[in-house]
Amino acid sequence: MTRRRHATTPPKEAKLFRNNRSQAVRIPVEFEFPGDKVLINREGDRLVIEPVRKSGLTALLAQWAKEPPLDTEDDFPEISDSPVKSEDIF
């Protein structure tokens, strides 16, 4: 079974280095991922790196449920913006 490439960017050599006890790779700018985390897995002698997908709405709502509720007056500044006066335009 042949794996299809999703990107049209040709392969490029990258530099390996040590970061404490971990081996790291410098990812060229044209291969950058969004965010600050990736998933990595091994397929034979290849390593596959992919971006961590953002969670859906359910995960976001669950995260918000864990946060403490807002205090009433301390979290919202006072706004001195009076309502617009109605005008008779006819």
Protein backbone atom coordinates (compact mmCIF):
# COMPACT_ATOMS: atom_id res chain seq x y z
CA MET A 1 0.00 0.00 0.00
CA THR A 2 1.45 3.37 -1.01
CA ARG A 3 0.92 6.36 1.25
CA ARG A 4 -0.26 9.53 -0.44
CA ARG A 5 1.39 12.81 0.39
CA HIS A 6 -0.95 15.59 1.38
CA ALA A 7 1.49 18.42 0.76
CA THR A 8 3.19 19.34 -2.48
CA THR A 9 6.36 20.55 -0.75
CA PRO A 10 9.35 18.36 -1.68
CA PRO A 11 11.34 16.70 1.14
CA LYS A 12 14.02 18.80 2.77
CA GLU A 13 16.91 17.81 5.01
CA ALA A 14 16.59 19.00 8.62
CA LYS A 15 19.09 19.29 11.47
CA LEU A 16 18.95 16.99 14.52
CA PHE A 17 20.25 18.15 17.92
CA ARG A 18 20.10 17.28 21.61
CA ASN A 19 17.90 19.10 24.11
CA ASN A 20 18.88 17.69 27.52
CA ARG A 21 18.12 13.95 27.20
CA SER A 22 15.80 14.28 24.19
CA GLN A 23 16.66 14.34 20.52
CA ALA A 24 15.04 17.23 18.67
CA VAL A 25 14.68 18.29 15.04
CA ARG A 26 14.71 21.79 13.59
CA ILE A 27 11.63 22.06 11.40
CA PRO A 28 12.14 24.32 8.36
CA VAL A 29 9.75 27.25 8.11
CA GLU A 30 7.85 25.79 5.15
CA PHE A 31 6.90 22.79 7.32
CA GLU A 32 5.82 24.74 10.43
CA PHE A 33 2.82 23.54 12.42
CA PRO A 34 0.31 25.80 14.13
CA GLY A 35 0.24 25.79 17.93
CA ASP A 36 2.86 24.47 20.32
CA LYS A 37 2.14 20.71 20.40
CA VAL A 38 2.28 17.87 17.88
CA LEU A 39 1.56 14.15 17.88
CA ILE A 40 4.40 11.84 16.89
CA ASN A 41 4.29 8.13 16.08
CA ARG A 42 6.53 5.57 14.45
CA GLU A 43 5.61 3.70 11.26
CA GLY A 44 8.42 1.24 10.64
CA ASP A 45 11.60 3.28 10.33
CA ARG A 46 9.67 6.53 9.73
CA LEU A 47 8.47 9.09 12.26
CA VAL A 48 5.17 10.79 11.50
CA ILE A 49 4.56 14.21 13.05
CA GLU A 50 1.12 15.80 12.86
CA PRO A 51 -0.50 18.82 14.50
CA VAL A 52 -2.72 18.36 17.54
CA ARG A 53 -6.22 19.13 16.34
CA LYS A 54 -8.22 21.64 18.31
CA SER A 55 -10.96 20.16 20.45
CA GLY A 56 -14.58 20.59 19.49
CA LEU A 57 -17.27 22.63 21.17
CA THR A 58 -17.97 19.95 23.78
CA ALA A 59 -14.39 20.05 25.05
CA LEU A 60 -14.44 23.86 25.15
CA LEU A 61 -17.66 23.90 27.18
CA ALA A 62 -16.23 21.28 29.56
CA GLN A 63 -13.13 23.44 30.05
CA TRP A 64 -15.27 26.49 30.81
CA ALA A 65 -17.29 24.48 33.34
CA LYS A 66 -14.06 23.83 35.31
CA GLU A 67 -13.22 27.53 35.61
CA PRO A 68 -14.47 29.49 38.63
CA PRO A 69 -17.49 31.73 38.01
CA LEU A 70 -17.01 35.44 37.43
CA ASP A 71 -17.47 37.82 40.34
CA THR A 72 -20.30 40.24 39.76
CA GLU A 73 -19.01 43.81 39.85
CA ASP A 74 -15.25 43.27 40.09
CA ASP A 75 -14.88 41.64 36.66
CA PHE A 76 -16.87 44.18 34.65
CA PRO A 77 -15.94 47.88 34.46
CA GLU A 78 -18.55 50.59 34.84
CA ILE A 79 -19.65 51.93 31.45
CA SER A 80 -21.19 55.37 31.18
CA ASP A 81 -23.03 54.88 27.91
CA SER A 82 -26.63 56.05 28.00
CA PRO A 83 -29.22 54.58 25.62
CA VAL A 84 -29.83 56.30 22.30
CA LYS A 85 -32.77 58.73 22.32
CA SER A 86 -35.54 57.89 19.92
CA GLU A 87 -36.18 60.29 17.04
CA ASP A 88 -39.27 60.92 14.99
CA ILE A 89 -38.05 60.56 11.41
CA PHE A 90 -41.39 60.99 9.64
